[in-house]
Amino acid sequence: MSEFKFYCYSKTENYIVQLMVAGGGMGNGNAYAEVEAHYKNEEEWNNGEDAIDIYYCEYGKNPCRNRIGTRFIWNDDYPDAFEVE
């Protein structure tokens, strides 16, 4: 028998998009960083709708995860560049 027993009272399904924004060493001991966006479903991402939440995440020795907004602002001149608000 498992040590933990749970009863599910609700379920949330999200569509998650993870964009790697920094690779290799970051100078603070972390290996890489991602911007992680949570949507209700894939259709919202494809239609450019606001996310439920967008997080900046670093992975490595000093991991962090901070909520940074709900909307991507894409750069018209550089298709891979974006800001989050």
PDB file of N, CA and C in Angstrom:
ATOM      1  N   MET A   1       0.850  -1.185   0.000  1.00  0.00           N
ATOM      2  CA  MET A   1       0.000   0.000   0.000  1.00  0.00           C
ATOM      3  C   MET A   1       0.889   1.240   0.000  1.00  0.00           C
ATOM      4  N   SER A   2       0.496   2.213  -0.762  1.00  0.00           N
ATOM      5  CA  SER A   2       1.225   3.464  -0.878  1.00  0.00           C
ATOM      6  C   SER A   2       1.128   4.266   0.414  1.00  0.00           C
ATOM      7  N   GLU A   3       2.155   5.062   0.681  1.00  0.00           N
ATOM      8  CA  GLU A   3       2.160   5.925   1.859  1.00  0.00           C
ATOM      9  C   GLU A   3       1.133   7.063   1.728  1.00  0.00           C
ATOM     10  N   PHE A   4       0.850   7.450   0.498  1.00  0.00           N
ATOM     11  CA  PHE A   4      -0.060   8.568   0.261  1.00  0.00           C
ATOM     12  C   PHE A   4      -1.314   8.094  -0.448  1.00  0.00           C
ATOM     13  N   LYS A   5      -2.435   8.598  -0.021  1.00  0.00           N
ATOM     14  CA  LYS A   5      -3.706   8.274  -0.661  1.00  0.00           C
ATOM     15  C   LYS A   5      -4.403   9.601  -0.955  1.00  0.00           C
ATOM     16  N   PHE A   6      -4.823   9.794  -2.205  1.00  0.00           N
ATOM     17  CA  PHE A   6      -5.422  11.052  -2.617  1.00  0.00           C
ATOM     18  C   PHE A   6      -6.779  10.807  -3.251  1.00  0.00           C
ATOM     19  N   TYR A   7      -7.640  11.799  -3.161  1.00  0.00           N
ATOM     20  CA  TYR A   7      -8.923  11.804  -3.847  1.00  0.00           C
ATOM     21  C   TYR A   7      -8.941  13.039  -4.738  1.00  0.00           C
ATOM     22  N   CYS A   8      -9.177  12.855  -6.006  1.00  0.00           N
ATOM     23  CA  CYS A   8      -9.179  13.962  -6.959  1.00  0.00           C
ATOM     24  C   CYS A   8     -10.532  14.672  -6.907  1.00  0.00           C
ATOM     25  N   TYR A   9     -10.501  15.969  -6.604  1.00  0.00           N
ATOM     26  CA  TYR A   9     -11.730  16.753  -6.531  1.00  0.00           C
ATOM     27  C   TYR A   9     -11.931  17.637  -7.748  1.00  0.00           C
ATOM     28  N   SER A  10     -10.871  17.884  -8.497  1.00  0.00           N
ATOM     29  CA  SER A  10     -11.011  18.653  -9.727  1.00  0.00           C
ATOM     30  C   SER A  10      -9.829  18.347 -10.635  1.00  0.00           C
ATOM     31  N   LYS A  11      -9.984  18.678 -11.894  1.00  0.00           N
ATOM     32  CA  LYS A  11      -8.943  18.401 -12.878  1.00  0.00           C
ATOM     33  C   LYS A  11      -8.836  19.600 -13.819  1.00  0.00           C
ATOM     34  N   THR A  12      -7.615  20.049 -14.056  1.00  0.00           N
ATOM     35  CA  THR A  12      -7.377  21.137 -14.989  1.00  0.00           C
ATOM     36  C   THR A  12      -6.432  20.639 -16.066  1.00  0.00           C
ATOM     37  N   GLU A  13      -6.807  20.812 -17.313  1.00  0.00           N
ATOM     38  CA  GLU A  13      -5.944  20.437 -18.425  1.00  0.00           C
ATOM     39  C   GLU A  13      -5.509  21.700 -19.134  1.00  0.00           C
ATOM     40  N   ASN A  14      -4.209  21.832 -19.315  1.00  0.00           N
ATOM     41  CA  ASN A  14      -3.640  22.998 -19.989  1.00  0.00           C
ATOM     42  C   ASN A  14      -2.787  22.549 -21.162  1.00  0.00           C
ATOM     43  N   TYR A  15      -2.630  23.443 -22.103  1.00  0.00           N
ATOM     44  CA  TYR A  15      -1.705  23.256 -23.211  1.00  0.00           C
ATOM     45  C   TYR A  15      -0.483  24.110 -22.871  1.00  0.00           C
ATOM     46  N   ILE A  16       0.705  23.517 -22.836  1.00  0.00           N
ATOM     47  CA  ILE A  16       1.922  24.216 -22.424  1.00  0.00           C
ATOM     48  C   ILE A  16       2.857  24.373 -23.616  1.00  0.00           C
ATOM     49  N   VAL A  17       3.336  25.602 -23.809  1.00  0.00           N
ATOM     50  CA  VAL A  17       4.323  25.916 -24.836  1.00  0.00           C
ATOM     51  C   VAL A  17       5.601  26.304 -24.112  1.00  0.00           C
ATOM     52  N   GLN A  18       6.733  25.641 -24.444  1.00  0.00           N
ATOM     53  CA  GLN A  18       8.019  25.955 -23.827  1.00  0.00           C
ATOM     54  C   GLN A  18       8.977  26.441 -24.904  1.00  0.00           C
ATOM     55  N   LEU A  19       9.457  27.673 -24.746  1.00  0.00           N
ATOM     56  CA  LEU A  19      10.382  28.286 -25.693  1.00  0.00           C
ATOM     57  C   LEU A  19      11.739  28.453 -25.021  1.00  0.00           C
ATOM     58  N   MET A  20      12.774  27.776 -25.535  1.00  0.00           N
ATOM     59  CA  MET A  20      14.106  27.949 -24.958  1.00  0.00           C
ATOM     60  C   MET A  20      14.629  29.325 -25.363  1.00  0.00           C
ATOM     61  N   VAL A  21      15.043  30.115 -24.377  1.00  0.00           N
ATOM     62  CA  VAL A  21      15.490  31.479 -24.652  1.00  0.00           C
ATOM     63  C   VAL A  21      16.969  31.693 -24.355  1.00  0.00           C
ATOM     64  N   ALA A  22      17.609  30.743 -23.687  1.00  0.00           N
ATOM     65  CA  ALA A  22      19.046  30.846 -23.431  1.00  0.00           C
ATOM     66  C   ALA A  22      19.611  29.440 -23.346  1.00  0.00           C
ATOM     67  N   GLY A  23      20.692  29.203 -24.058  1.00  0.00           N
ATOM     68  CA  GLY A  23      21.322  27.892 -24.027  1.00  0.00           C
ATOM     69  C   GLY A  23      22.755  28.013 -23.539  1.00  0.00           C
ATOM     70  N   GLY A  24      23.331  26.894 -23.131  1.00  0.00           N
ATOM     71  CA  GLY A  24      24.695  26.928 -22.627  1.00  0.00           C
ATOM     72  C   GLY A  24      24.735  27.550 -21.244  1.00  0.00           C
ATOM     73  N   GLY A  25      25.942  27.828 -20.751  1.00  0.00           N
ATOM     74  CA  GLY A  25      26.096  28.429 -19.428  1.00  0.00           C
ATOM     75  C   GLY A  25      25.545  29.842 -19.385  1.00  0.00           C
ATOM     76  N   MET A  26      24.908  30.194 -18.279  1.00  0.00           N
ATOM     77  CA  MET A  26      24.289  31.514 -18.162  1.00  0.00           C
ATOM     78  C   MET A  26      25.064  32.455 -17.249  1.00  0.00           C
ATOM     79  N   GLY A  27      26.192  32.024 -16.697  1.00  0.00           N
ATOM     80  CA  GLY A  27      26.999  32.885 -15.841  1.00  0.00           C
ATOM     81  C   GLY A  27      26.562  32.880 -14.385  1.00  0.00           C
ATOM     82  N   ASN A  28      25.445  32.251 -14.066  1.00  0.00           N
ATOM     83  CA  ASN A  28      24.985  32.178 -12.675  1.00  0.00           C
ATOM     84  C   ASN A  28      24.879  30.729 -12.195  1.00  0.00           C
ATOM     85  N   GLY A  29      25.490  29.822 -12.919  1.00  0.00           N
ATOM     86  CA  GLY A  29      25.458  28.416 -12.543  1.00  0.00           C
ATOM     87  C   GLY A  29      24.326  27.636 -13.174  1.00  0.00           C
ATOM     88  N   ASN A  30      23.409  28.310 -13.847  1.00  0.00           N
ATOM     89  CA  ASN A  30      22.302  27.613 -14.479  1.00  0.00           C
ATOM     90  C   ASN A  30      22.656  27.218 -15.908  1.00  0.00           C
ATOM     91  N   ALA A  31      22.026  26.152 -16.370  1.00  0.00           N
ATOM     92  CA  ALA A  31      22.355  25.588 -17.672  1.00  0.00           C
ATOM     93  C   ALA A  31      21.597  26.256 -18.817  1.00  0.00           C
ATOM     94  N   TYR A  32      20.308  26.545 -18.627  1.00  0.00           N
ATOM     95  CA  TYR A  32      19.514  27.139 -19.702  1.00  0.00           C
ATOM     96  C   TYR A  32      18.246  27.751 -19.122  1.00  0.00           C
ATOM     97  N   ALA A  33      17.544  28.511 -19.969  1.00  0.00           N
ATOM     98  CA  ALA A  33      16.305  29.149 -19.539  1.00  0.00           C
ATOM     99  C   ALA A  33      15.217  28.943 -20.587  1.00  0.00           C
ATOM    100  N   GLU A  34      13.976  28.942 -20.115  1.00  0.00           N
ATOM    101  CA  GLU A  34      12.809  28.812 -20.989  1.00  0.00           C
ATOM    102  C   GLU A  34      11.753  29.827 -20.581  1.00  0.00           C
ATOM    103  N   VAL A  35      10.940  30.191 -21.546  1.00  0.00           N
ATOM    104  CA  VAL A  35       9.695  30.898 -21.265  1.00  0.00           C
ATOM    105  C   VAL A  35       8.601  29.864 -21.484  1.00  0.00           C
ATOM    106  N   GLU A  36       7.786  29.671 -20.463  1.00  0.00           N
ATOM    107  CA  GLU A  36       6.777  28.616 -20.451  1.00  0.00           C
ATOM    108  C   GLU A  36       5.391  29.262 -20.385  1.00  0.00           C
ATOM    109  N   ALA A  37       4.564  28.998 -21.385  1.00  0.00           N
ATOM    110  CA  ALA A  37       3.227  29.589 -21.441  1.00  0.00           C
ATOM    111  C   ALA A  37       2.162  28.512 -21.281  1.00  0.00           C
ATOM    112  N   HIS A  38       1.169  28.797 -20.461  1.00  0.00           N
ATOM    113  CA  HIS A  38       0.073  27.861 -20.206  1.00  0.00           C
ATOM    114  C   HIS A  38      -1.209  28.398 -20.837  1.00  0.00           C
ATOM    115  N   TYR A  39      -1.827  27.579 -21.668  1.00  0.00           N
ATOM    116  CA  TYR A  39      -3.081  27.915 -22.338  1.00  0.00           C
ATOM    117  C   TYR A  39      -4.138  26.882 -21.986  1.00  0.00           C
ATOM    118  N   LYS A  40      -5.400  27.230 -22.160  1.00  0.00           N
ATOM    119  CA  LYS A  40      -6.481  26.266 -21.931  1.00  0.00           C
ATOM    120  C   LYS A  40      -6.431  25.146 -22.955  1.00  0.00           C
ATOM    121  N   ASN A  41      -6.039  25.499 -24.203  1.00  0.00           N
ATOM    122  CA  ASN A  41      -5.965  24.486 -25.250  1.00  0.00           C
ATOM    123  C   ASN A  41      -5.054  24.981 -26.375  1.00  0.00           C
ATOM    124  N   GLU A  42      -4.728  24.103 -27.295  1.00  0.00           N
ATOM    125  CA  GLU A  42      -3.819  24.428 -28.401  1.00  0.00           C
ATOM    126  C   GLU A  42      -4.383  25.526 -29.303  1.00  0.00           C
ATOM    127  N   GLU A  43      -5.682  25.560 -29.448  1.00  0.00           N
ATOM    128  CA  GLU A  43      -6.320  26.543 -30.314  1.00  0.00           C
ATOM    129  C   GLU A  43      -6.024  27.980 -29.852  1.00  0.00           C
ATOM    130  N   GLU A  44      -5.998  28.206 -28.543  1.00  0.00           N
ATOM    131  CA  GLU A  44      -5.698  29.547 -28.028  1.00  0.00           C
ATOM    132  C   GLU A  44      -4.283  29.986 -28.413  1.00  0.00           C
ATOM    133  N   TRP A  45      -3.318  29.063 -28.341  1.00  0.00           N
ATOM    134  CA  TRP A  45      -1.946  29.364 -28.760  1.00  0.00           C
ATOM    135  C   TRP A  45      -1.904  29.690 -30.249  1.00  0.00           C
ATOM    136  N   ASN A  46      -2.541  28.851 -31.056  1.00  0.00           N
ATOM    137  CA  ASN A  46      -2.535  29.038 -32.504  1.00  0.00           C
ATOM    138  C   ASN A  46      -3.216  30.344 -32.928  1.00  0.00           C
ATOM    139  N   ASN A  47      -4.202  30.808 -32.161  1.00  0.00           N
ATOM    140  CA  ASN A  47      -4.928  32.030 -32.487  1.00  0.00           C
ATOM    141  C   ASN A  47      -4.285  33.281 -31.892  1.00  0.00           C
ATOM    142  N   GLY A  48      -3.173  33.129 -31.165  1.00  0.00           N
ATOM    143  CA  GLY A  48      -2.488  34.279 -30.578  1.00  0.00           C
ATOM    144  C   GLY A  48      -3.221  34.902 -29.401  1.00  0.00           C
ATOM    145  N   GLU A  49      -4.051  34.124 -28.744  1.00  0.00           N
ATOM    146  CA  GLU A  49      -4.798  34.645 -27.595  1.00  0.00           C
ATOM    147  C   GLU A  49      -3.885  34.743 -26.369  1.00  0.00           C
ATOM    148  N   ASP A  50      -4.344  35.483 -25.358  1.00  0.00           N
ATOM    149  CA  ASP A  50      -3.593  35.598 -24.115  1.00  0.00           C
ATOM    150  C   ASP A  50      -3.494  34.236 -23.444  1.00  0.00           C
ATOM    151  N   ALA A  51      -2.372  34.013 -22.772  1.00  0.00           N
ATOM    152  CA  ALA A  51      -2.169  32.779 -22.015  1.00  0.00           C
ATOM    153  C   ALA A  51      -2.820  32.909 -20.642  1.00  0.00           C
ATOM    154  N   ILE A  52      -2.987  31.784 -19.965  1.00  0.00           N
ATOM    155  CA  ILE A  52      -3.425  31.801 -18.575  1.00  0.00           C
ATOM    156  C   ILE A  52      -2.306  32.443 -17.750  1.00  0.00           C
ATOM    157  N   ASP A  53      -1.086  31.959 -17.915  1.00  0.00           N
ATOM    158  CA  ASP A  53       0.108  32.482 -17.253  1.00  0.00           C
ATOM    159  C   ASP A  53       1.311  32.218 -18.136  1.00  0.00           C
ATOM    160  N   ILE A  54       2.310  33.102 -18.060  1.00  0.00           N
ATOM    161  CA  ILE A  54       3.596  32.903 -18.722  1.00  0.00           C
ATOM    162  C   ILE A  54       4.678  33.020 -17.651  1.00  0.00           C
ATOM    163  N   TYR A  55       5.605  32.057 -17.641  1.00  0.00           N
ATOM    164  CA  TYR A  55       6.663  32.004 -16.638  1.00  0.00           C
ATOM    165  C   TYR A  55       8.035  32.065 -17.300  1.00  0.00           C
ATOM    166  N   TYR A  56       9.000  32.689 -16.603  1.00  0.00           N
ATOM    167  CA  TYR A  56      10.407  32.617 -16.972  1.00  0.00           C
ATOM    168  C   TYR A  56      11.022  31.586 -16.046  1.00  0.00           C
ATOM    169  N   CYS A  57      11.670  30.551 -16.616  1.00  0.00           N
ATOM    170  CA  CYS A  57      12.213  29.445 -15.832  1.00  0.00           C
ATOM    171  C   CYS A  57      13.688  29.240 -16.164  1.00  0.00           C
ATOM    172  N   GLU A  58      14.517  29.118 -15.134  1.00  0.00           N
ATOM    173  CA  GLU A  58      15.926  28.750 -15.315  1.00  0.00           C
ATOM    174  C   GLU A  58      16.148  27.396 -14.670  1.00  0.00           C
ATOM    175  N   TYR A  59      16.988  26.591 -15.322  1.00  0.00           N
ATOM    176  CA  TYR A  59      17.267  25.238 -14.855  1.00  0.00           C
ATOM    177  C   TYR A  59      18.755  25.080 -14.636  1.00  0.00           C
ATOM    178  N   GLY A  60      19.149  24.451 -13.549  1.00  0.00           N
ATOM    179  CA  GLY A  60      20.551  24.223 -13.236  1.00  0.00           C
ATOM    180  C   GLY A  60      20.772  24.293 -11.739  1.00  0.00           C
ATOM    181  N   LYS A  61      21.941  24.803 -11.320  1.00  0.00           N
ATOM    182  CA  LYS A  61      22.291  24.868  -9.900  1.00  0.00           C
ATOM    183  C   LYS A  61      21.377  25.800  -9.106  1.00  0.00           C
ATOM    184  N   ASN A  62      20.944  26.879  -9.733  1.00  0.00           N
ATOM    185  CA  ASN A  62      20.118  27.893  -9.057  1.00  0.00           C
ATOM    186  C   ASN A  62      18.789  28.077  -9.801  1.00  0.00           C
ATOM    187  N   PRO A  63      17.948  27.055  -9.814  1.00  0.00           N
ATOM    188  CA  PRO A  63      16.716  27.141 -10.607  1.00  0.00           C
ATOM    189  C   PRO A  63      15.769  28.216 -10.075  1.00  0.00           C
ATOM    190  N   CYS A  64      14.986  28.782 -10.995  1.00  0.00           N
ATOM    191  CA  CYS A  64      13.968  29.748 -10.600  1.00  0.00           C
ATOM    192  C   CYS A  64      12.795  29.638 -11.559  1.00  0.00           C
ATOM    193  N   ARG A  65      11.659  30.113 -11.089  1.00  0.00           N
ATOM    194  CA  ARG A  65      10.440  30.117 -11.920  1.00  0.00           C
ATOM    195  C   ARG A  65       9.612  31.306 -11.483  1.00  0.00           C
ATOM    196  N   ASN A  66       9.477  32.299 -12.362  1.00  0.00           N
ATOM    197  CA  ASN A  66       8.764  33.524 -12.035  1.00  0.00           C
ATOM    198  C   ASN A  66       7.678  33.805 -13.067  1.00  0.00           C
ATOM    199  N   ARG A  67       6.491  34.164 -12.582  1.00  0.00           N
ATOM    200  CA  ARG A  67       5.403  34.562 -13.479  1.00  0.00           C
ATOM    201  C   ARG A  67       5.734  35.936 -14.041  1.00  0.00           C
ATOM    202  N   ILE A  68       5.683  36.070 -15.382  1.00  0.00           N
ATOM    203  CA  ILE A  68       6.075  37.330 -16.011  1.00  0.00           C
ATOM    204  C   ILE A  68       4.959  37.969 -16.835  1.00  0.00           C
ATOM    205  N   GLY A  69       3.809  37.339 -16.970  1.00  0.00           N
ATOM    206  CA  GLY A  69       2.718  37.958 -17.721  1.00  0.00           C
ATOM    207  C   GLY A  69       1.763  36.954 -18.308  1.00  0.00           C
ATOM    208  N   THR A  70       0.983  37.450 -19.305  1.00  0.00           N
ATOM    209  CA  THR A  70      -0.016  36.599 -19.964  1.00  0.00           C
ATOM    210  C   THR A  70      -0.041  36.778 -21.475  1.00  0.00           C
ATOM    211  N   ARG A  71       0.772  37.706 -22.015  1.00  0.00           N
ATOM    212  CA  ARG A  71       0.678  38.002 -23.448  1.00  0.00           C
ATOM    213  C   ARG A  71       2.055  38.108 -24.087  1.00  0.00           C
ATOM    214  N   PHE A  72       2.211  37.433 -25.241  1.00  0.00           N
ATOM    215  CA  PHE A  72       3.414  37.579 -26.058  1.00  0.00           C
ATOM    216  C   PHE A  72       3.257  38.784 -26.977  1.00  0.00           C
ATOM    217  N   ILE A  73       4.291  39.593 -27.090  1.00  0.00           N
ATOM    218  CA  ILE A  73       4.356  40.678 -28.062  1.00  0.00           C
ATOM    219  C   ILE A  73       5.490  40.303 -29.013  1.00  0.00           C
ATOM    220  N   TRP A  74       5.147  39.880 -30.213  1.00  0.00           N
ATOM    221  CA  TRP A  74       6.146  39.415 -31.182  1.00  0.00           C
ATOM    222  C   TRP A  74       6.709  40.593 -31.960  1.00  0.00           C
ATOM    223  N   ASN A  75       7.991  40.545 -32.263  1.00  0.00           N
ATOM    224  CA  ASN A  75       8.693  41.601 -32.991  1.00  0.00           C
ATOM    225  C   ASN A  75       8.495  41.404 -34.485  1.00  0.00           C
ATOM    226  N   ASP A  76       8.000  42.417 -35.182  1.00  0.00           N
ATOM    227  CA  ASP A  76       7.745  42.318 -36.624  1.00  0.00           C
ATOM    228  C   ASP A  76       9.033  42.208 -37.437  1.00  0.00           C
ATOM    229  N   ASP A  77      10.114  42.828 -36.964  1.00  0.00           N
ATOM    230  CA  ASP A  77      11.379  42.821 -37.707  1.00  0.00           C
ATOM    231  C   ASP A  77      12.192  41.545 -37.486  1.00  0.00           C
ATOM    232  N   TYR A  78      12.043  40.933 -36.308  1.00  0.00           N
ATOM    233  CA  TYR A  78      12.786  39.711 -35.975  1.00  0.00           C
ATOM    234  C   TYR A  78      11.779  38.666 -35.510  1.00  0.00           C
ATOM    235  N   PRO A  79      11.388  37.734 -36.377  1.00  0.00           N
ATOM    236  CA  PRO A  79      10.288  36.803 -36.078  1.00  0.00           C
ATOM    237  C   PRO A  79      10.486  35.940 -34.838  1.00  0.00           C
ATOM    238  N   ASP A  80      11.742  35.699 -34.417  1.00  0.00           N
ATOM    239  CA  ASP A  80      11.972  34.874 -33.240  1.00  0.00           C
ATOM    240  C   ASP A  80      12.074  35.692 -31.952  1.00  0.00           C
ATOM    241  N   ALA A  81      12.009  37.022 -32.057  1.00  0.00           N
ATOM    242  CA  ALA A  81      12.132  37.883 -30.879  1.00  0.00           C
ATOM    243  C   ALA A  81      10.754  38.239 -30.332  1.00  0.00           C
ATOM    244  N   PHE A  82      10.649  38.291 -28.997  1.00  0.00           N
ATOM    245  CA  PHE A  82       9.377  38.618 -28.363  1.00  0.00           C
ATOM    246  C   PHE A  82       9.594  39.256 -27.002  1.00  0.00           C
ATOM    247  N   GLU A  83       8.561  39.907 -26.530  1.00  0.00           N
ATOM    248  CA  GLU A  83       8.485  40.410 -25.168  1.00  0.00           C
ATOM    249  C   GLU A  83       7.241  39.817 -24.545  1.00  0.00           C
ATOM    250  N   VAL A  84       7.165  39.912 -23.233  1.00  0.00           N
ATOM    251  CA  VAL A  84       5.987  39.406 -22.511  1.00  0.00           C
ATOM    252  C   VAL A  84       5.445  40.522 -21.646  1.00  0.00           C
ATOM    253  N   GLU A  85       4.132  40.680 -21.691  1.00  0.00           N
ATOM    254  CA  GLU A  85       3.511  41.660 -20.783  1.00  0.00           C
ATOM    255  C   GLU A  85       2.327  41.033 -20.075  1.00  0.00           C
TER     256      GLU A  85
END
